[in-house]
Amino acid sequence: MTIPDALARVRDAAAARGLEIELRERPAASSLHEAAALLGLTSADIVKTLVVKRSDDSYLFALIPGDRAISWPKLRALVGVNKLRLPEPELALAATGYERGTIVPIGSAQDWPVYADASIAGRRIAMGAGAHGYSLFVDADDLITAYQAVVADISQPAAP
């Protein structure tokens, strides 16, 4: 998918849910920390959208602040399953229509359930925009409402 197509898909999906977003072009970044610096943000202001695979081959999205890591035990307990994992890049692409590093629930190929870490509530966040070299800005509460996300403590401090 081309960058204009991916960005249009994100814009259209946001509009369909009444979600106000801002798409901002930025220089390429080799890490989340570099992207935060380029945008004048902290790592905590960038939210990673992790695609998580269940054992039944369905998926979910976990929204985790950039300065934290997913807590597998907390997420498994919340979802009520014994096994969850990050899929291979080609499976994540097939499940969402987006490449790793650009994944966002907005405009995903499938509307998978969204689980948001409680620490993002009440904040304006940046996240993937469906295309490399772009960031999406949105009010987390509006995103949570638009996607009926489950909000819970699903993260832990990131390893140093």
C-alpha atoms as a PDB file:
ATOM      1  CA  MET A   1       0.000   0.000   0.000  1.00  0.00           C
ATOM      2  CA  THR A   2       1.307   3.449  -0.824  1.00  0.00           C
ATOM      3  CA  ILE A   3       1.763   6.143   1.808  1.00  0.00           C
ATOM      4  CA  PRO A   4      -1.115   8.278   0.455  1.00  0.00           C
ATOM      5  CA  ASP A   5      -3.407   5.215   0.478  1.00  0.00           C
ATOM      6  CA  ALA A   6      -2.469   4.309   4.059  1.00  0.00           C
ATOM      7  CA  LEU A   7      -2.950   7.864   5.292  1.00  0.00           C
ATOM      8  CA  ALA A   8      -6.300   8.140   3.488  1.00  0.00           C
ATOM      9  CA  ARG A   9      -7.400   4.865   5.081  1.00  0.00           C
ATOM     10  CA  VAL A  10      -6.520   6.232   8.532  1.00  0.00           C
ATOM     11  CA  ARG A  11      -8.247   9.583   7.864  1.00  0.00           C
ATOM     12  CA  ASP A  12     -11.397   7.904   6.506  1.00  0.00           C
ATOM     13  CA  ALA A  13     -11.623   5.438   9.391  1.00  0.00           C
ATOM     14  CA  ALA A  14     -11.161   8.218  11.960  1.00  0.00           C
ATOM     15  CA  ALA A  15     -13.834  10.348  10.288  1.00  0.00           C
ATOM     16  CA  ALA A  16     -16.240   7.395  10.206  1.00  0.00           C
ATOM     17  CA  ARG A  17     -15.919   7.132  14.003  1.00  0.00           C
ATOM     18  CA  GLY A  18     -16.071  10.874  14.614  1.00  0.00           C
ATOM     19  CA  LEU A  19     -12.475  10.833  15.813  1.00  0.00           C
ATOM     20  CA  GLU A  20     -10.372  13.976  15.388  1.00  0.00           C
ATOM     21  CA  ILE A  21      -6.788  13.178  14.474  1.00  0.00           C
ATOM     22  CA  GLU A  22      -3.749  15.068  13.273  1.00  0.00           C
ATOM     23  CA  LEU A  23      -1.308  13.417  10.871  1.00  0.00           C
ATOM     24  CA  ARG A  24       2.169  14.878  10.936  1.00  0.00           C
ATOM     25  CA  GLU A  25       5.055  14.064   8.616  1.00  0.00           C
ATOM     26  CA  ARG A  26       8.398  13.570  10.341  1.00  0.00           C
ATOM     27  CA  PRO A  27      11.876  12.448   9.319  1.00  0.00           C
ATOM     28  CA  ALA A  28      12.499   8.708   9.396  1.00  0.00           C
ATOM     29  CA  ALA A  29      13.336   7.409  12.850  1.00  0.00           C
ATOM     30  CA  SER A  30      15.188   4.218  13.734  1.00  0.00           C
ATOM     31  CA  SER A  31      13.562   3.904  17.169  1.00  0.00           C
ATOM     32  CA  LEU A  32      10.655   5.117  19.245  1.00  0.00           C
ATOM     33  CA  HIS A  33      13.056   7.273  21.300  1.00  0.00           C
ATOM     34  CA  GLU A  34      14.376   8.904  18.115  1.00  0.00           C
ATOM     35  CA  ALA A  35      10.830   9.536  16.866  1.00  0.00           C
ATOM     36  CA  ALA A  36       9.959  11.164  20.209  1.00  0.00           C
ATOM     37  CA  ALA A  37      13.001  13.441  19.980  1.00  0.00           C
ATOM     38  CA  LEU A  38      12.140  14.423  16.404  1.00  0.00           C
ATOM     39  CA  LEU A  39       8.621  15.358  17.513  1.00  0.00           C
ATOM     40  CA  GLY A  40       9.757  17.169  20.673  1.00  0.00           C
ATOM     41  CA  LEU A  41       8.009  14.599  22.867  1.00  0.00           C
ATOM     42  CA  THR A  42       8.984  12.196  25.596  1.00  0.00           C
ATOM     43  CA  SER A  43       8.887   8.455  24.978  1.00  0.00           C
ATOM     44  CA  ALA A  44       5.834   8.254  27.259  1.00  0.00           C
ATOM     45  CA  ASP A  45       3.929  10.538  24.852  1.00  0.00           C
ATOM     46  CA  ILE A  46       4.238   8.008  22.032  1.00  0.00           C
ATOM     47  CA  VAL A  47       1.942   5.034  22.360  1.00  0.00           C
ATOM     48  CA  LYS A  48       2.943   1.747  20.769  1.00  0.00           C
ATOM     49  CA  THR A  49       0.149  -0.223  19.137  1.00  0.00           C
ATOM     50  CA  LEU A  50       1.080  -3.858  19.650  1.00  0.00           C
ATOM     51  CA  VAL A  51      -0.740  -6.507  17.664  1.00  0.00           C
ATOM     52  CA  VAL A  52      -1.166  -9.532  19.890  1.00  0.00           C
ATOM     53  CA  LYS A  53      -2.073 -12.989  18.607  1.00  0.00           C
ATOM     54  CA  ARG A  54      -4.321 -15.342  20.553  1.00  0.00           C
ATOM     55  CA  SER A  55      -4.049 -19.115  20.296  1.00  0.00           C
ATOM     56  CA  ASP A  56      -7.283 -19.223  18.226  1.00  0.00           C
ATOM     57  CA  ASP A  57      -5.590 -17.087  15.515  1.00  0.00           C
ATOM     58  CA  SER A  58      -7.571 -13.982  16.405  1.00  0.00           C
ATOM     59  CA  TYR A  59      -5.840 -10.771  17.435  1.00  0.00           C
ATOM     60  CA  LEU A  60      -6.143  -7.785  19.721  1.00  0.00           C
ATOM     61  CA  PHE A  61      -4.456  -4.416  19.978  1.00  0.00           C
ATOM     62  CA  ALA A  62      -2.568  -3.408  23.123  1.00  0.00           C
ATOM     63  CA  LEU A  63      -1.818   0.304  23.478  1.00  0.00           C
ATOM     64  CA  ILE A  64       1.312   0.754  25.596  1.00  0.00           C
ATOM     65  CA  PRO A  65       3.210   3.991  26.383  1.00  0.00           C
ATOM     66  CA  GLY A  66       6.624   4.129  24.731  1.00  0.00           C
ATOM     67  CA  ASP A  67       8.490   4.235  28.026  1.00  0.00           C
ATOM     68  CA  ARG A  68       6.818   1.035  29.270  1.00  0.00           C
ATOM     69  CA  ALA A  69       6.555  -2.599  28.188  1.00  0.00           C
ATOM     70  CA  ILE A  70       3.577  -4.888  27.869  1.00  0.00           C
ATOM     71  CA  SER A  71       2.907  -6.981  30.976  1.00  0.00           C
ATOM     72  CA  TRP A  72       2.027 -10.381  29.593  1.00  0.00           C
ATOM     73  CA  PRO A  73       0.654 -11.742  32.898  1.00  0.00           C
ATOM     74  CA  LYS A  74      -1.620  -8.711  33.340  1.00  0.00           C
ATOM     75  CA  LEU A  75      -2.877  -8.820  29.752  1.00  0.00           C
ATOM     76  CA  ARG A  76      -3.453 -12.609  29.816  1.00  0.00           C
ATOM     77  CA  ALA A  77      -5.440 -12.270  33.064  1.00  0.00           C
ATOM     78  CA  LEU A  78      -7.522  -9.420  31.649  1.00  0.00           C
ATOM     79  CA  VAL A  79      -8.253 -11.244  28.382  1.00  0.00           C
ATOM     80  CA  GLY A  80      -8.843 -14.529  30.216  1.00  0.00           C
ATOM     81  CA  VAL A  81      -6.406 -16.666  28.256  1.00  0.00           C
ATOM     82  CA  ASN A  82      -3.250 -18.622  29.027  1.00  0.00           C
ATOM     83  CA  LYS A  83      -1.328 -17.778  25.878  1.00  0.00           C
ATOM     84  CA  LEU A  84      -0.714 -14.577  23.934  1.00  0.00           C
ATOM     85  CA  ARG A  85       2.204 -13.610  21.719  1.00  0.00           C
ATOM     86  CA  LEU A  86       3.490 -11.073  19.264  1.00  0.00           C
ATOM     87  CA  PRO A  87       3.013 -12.433  15.749  1.00  0.00           C
ATOM     88  CA  GLU A  88       5.636 -12.524  13.026  1.00  0.00           C
ATOM     89  CA  PRO A  89       5.768  -9.323  10.938  1.00  0.00           C
ATOM     90  CA  GLU A  90       3.932 -10.894   7.994  1.00  0.00           C
ATOM     91  CA  LEU A  91       1.076 -12.059  10.249  1.00  0.00           C
ATOM     92  CA  ALA A  92       0.809  -8.599  11.840  1.00  0.00           C
ATOM     93  CA  LEU A  93       0.639  -7.075   8.346  1.00  0.00           C
ATOM     94  CA  ALA A  94      -2.055  -9.556   7.268  1.00  0.00           C
ATOM     95  CA  ALA A  95      -4.068  -8.929  10.453  1.00  0.00           C
ATOM     96  CA  THR A  96      -3.953  -5.128  10.249  1.00  0.00           C
ATOM     97  CA  GLY A  97      -2.919  -4.057   6.759  1.00  0.00           C
ATOM     98  CA  TYR A  98      -0.078  -2.059   8.317  1.00  0.00           C
ATOM     99  CA  GLU A  99       3.642  -2.770   8.643  1.00  0.00           C
ATOM    100  CA  ARG A 100       5.269  -2.916  12.066  1.00  0.00           C
ATOM    101  CA  GLY A 101       6.244   0.536  13.201  1.00  0.00           C
ATOM    102  CA  THR A 102       3.153   2.052  11.553  1.00  0.00           C
ATOM    103  CA  ILE A 103       0.373  -0.035  13.137  1.00  0.00           C
ATOM    104  CA  VAL A 104      -2.629   1.774  14.572  1.00  0.00           C
ATOM    105  CA  PRO A 105      -6.143   0.466  15.333  1.00  0.00           C
ATOM    106  CA  ILE A 106      -7.614   3.249  13.179  1.00  0.00           C
ATOM    107  CA  GLY A 107      -8.302   1.843   9.724  1.00  0.00           C
ATOM    108  CA  SER A 108      -7.015  -1.621  10.537  1.00  0.00           C
ATOM    109  CA  ALA A 109      -7.974  -4.331   8.045  1.00  0.00           C
ATOM    110  CA  GLN A 110      -9.999  -5.892  10.905  1.00  0.00           C
ATOM    111  CA  ASP A 111     -11.604  -4.244  13.928  1.00  0.00           C
ATOM    112  CA  TRP A 112      -9.770  -6.211  16.595  1.00  0.00           C
ATOM    113  CA  PRO A 113     -10.545  -5.503  20.276  1.00  0.00           C
ATOM    114  CA  VAL A 114      -8.467  -2.690  21.782  1.00  0.00           C
ATOM    115  CA  TYR A 115      -6.890  -2.816  25.240  1.00  0.00           C
ATOM    116  CA  ALA A 116      -5.395   0.470  26.436  1.00  0.00           C
ATOM    117  CA  ASP A 117      -2.991   0.874  29.307  1.00  0.00           C
ATOM    118  CA  ALA A 118      -4.641   3.033  31.976  1.00  0.00           C
ATOM    119  CA  SER A 119      -1.695   5.438  31.991  1.00  0.00           C
ATOM    120  CA  ILE A 120      -2.643   6.874  28.578  1.00  0.00           C
ATOM    121  CA  ALA A 121      -6.083   8.050  29.705  1.00  0.00           C
ATOM    122  CA  GLY A 122      -6.559  11.809  29.826  1.00  0.00           C
ATOM    123  CA  ARG A 123      -3.588  12.554  27.565  1.00  0.00           C
ATOM    124  CA  ARG A 124      -2.932  13.674  24.008  1.00  0.00           C
ATOM    125  CA  ILE A 125      -0.792  10.962  22.473  1.00  0.00           C
ATOM    126  CA  ALA A 126       1.195  10.285  19.326  1.00  0.00           C
ATOM    127  CA  MET A 127       1.151   6.887  17.657  1.00  0.00           C
ATOM    128  CA  GLY A 128       1.709   5.116  14.360  1.00  0.00           C
ATOM    129  CA  ALA A 129      -0.130   6.582  11.396  1.00  0.00           C
ATOM    130  CA  GLY A 130      -0.308   3.626   9.010  1.00  0.00           C
ATOM    131  CA  ALA A 131       2.739   4.770   7.037  1.00  0.00           C
ATOM    132  CA  HIS A 132       6.442   5.194   7.757  1.00  0.00           C
ATOM    133  CA  GLY A 133       7.579   8.790   8.281  1.00  0.00           C
ATOM    134  CA  TYR A 134       4.288   9.946   9.818  1.00  0.00           C
ATOM    135  CA  SER A 135       2.876  10.219  13.316  1.00  0.00           C
ATOM    136  CA  LEU A 136      -0.747  10.441  14.355  1.00  0.00           C
ATOM    137  CA  PHE A 137      -1.880  12.654  17.233  1.00  0.00           C
ATOM    138  CA  VAL A 138      -5.144  12.012  19.047  1.00  0.00           C
ATOM    139  CA  ASP A 139      -6.754  12.534  22.431  1.00  0.00           C
ATOM    140  CA  ALA A 140      -6.454   9.152  24.123  1.00  0.00           C
ATOM    141  CA  ASP A 141      -9.888   9.402  25.735  1.00  0.00           C
ATOM    142  CA  ASP A 142     -11.512  10.008  22.344  1.00  0.00           C
ATOM    143  CA  LEU A 143      -9.655   7.018  20.877  1.00  0.00           C
ATOM    144  CA  ILE A 144     -10.683   4.844  23.838  1.00  0.00           C
ATOM    145  CA  THR A 145     -14.320   5.869  23.392  1.00  0.00           C
ATOM    146  CA  ALA A 146     -14.331   5.484  19.598  1.00  0.00           C
ATOM    147  CA  TYR A 147     -12.961   1.940  19.824  1.00  0.00           C
ATOM    148  CA  GLN A 148     -14.716   0.931  23.058  1.00  0.00           C
ATOM    149  CA  ALA A 149     -11.291   0.035  24.396  1.00  0.00           C
ATOM    150  CA  VAL A 150     -10.862  -1.845  27.628  1.00  0.00           C
ATOM    151  CA  VAL A 151      -8.758   0.378  29.903  1.00  0.00           C
ATOM    152  CA  ALA A 152      -6.612  -1.382  32.492  1.00  0.00           C
ATOM    153  CA  ASP A 153      -3.110  -1.615  33.904  1.00  0.00           C
ATOM    154  CA  ILE A 154      -1.461  -3.801  31.226  1.00  0.00           C
ATOM    155  CA  SER A 155       2.087  -2.453  31.295  1.00  0.00           C
ATOM    156  CA  GLN A 156       5.219  -2.608  33.375  1.00  0.00           C
ATOM    157  CA  PRO A 157       8.438  -0.598  33.495  1.00  0.00           C
ATOM    158  CA  ALA A 158      10.557  -1.162  30.405  1.00  0.00           C
ATOM    159  CA  ALA A 159      13.872  -2.910  30.821  1.00  0.00           C
ATOM    160  CA  PRO A 160      16.728  -0.404  30.939  1.00  0.00           C
END
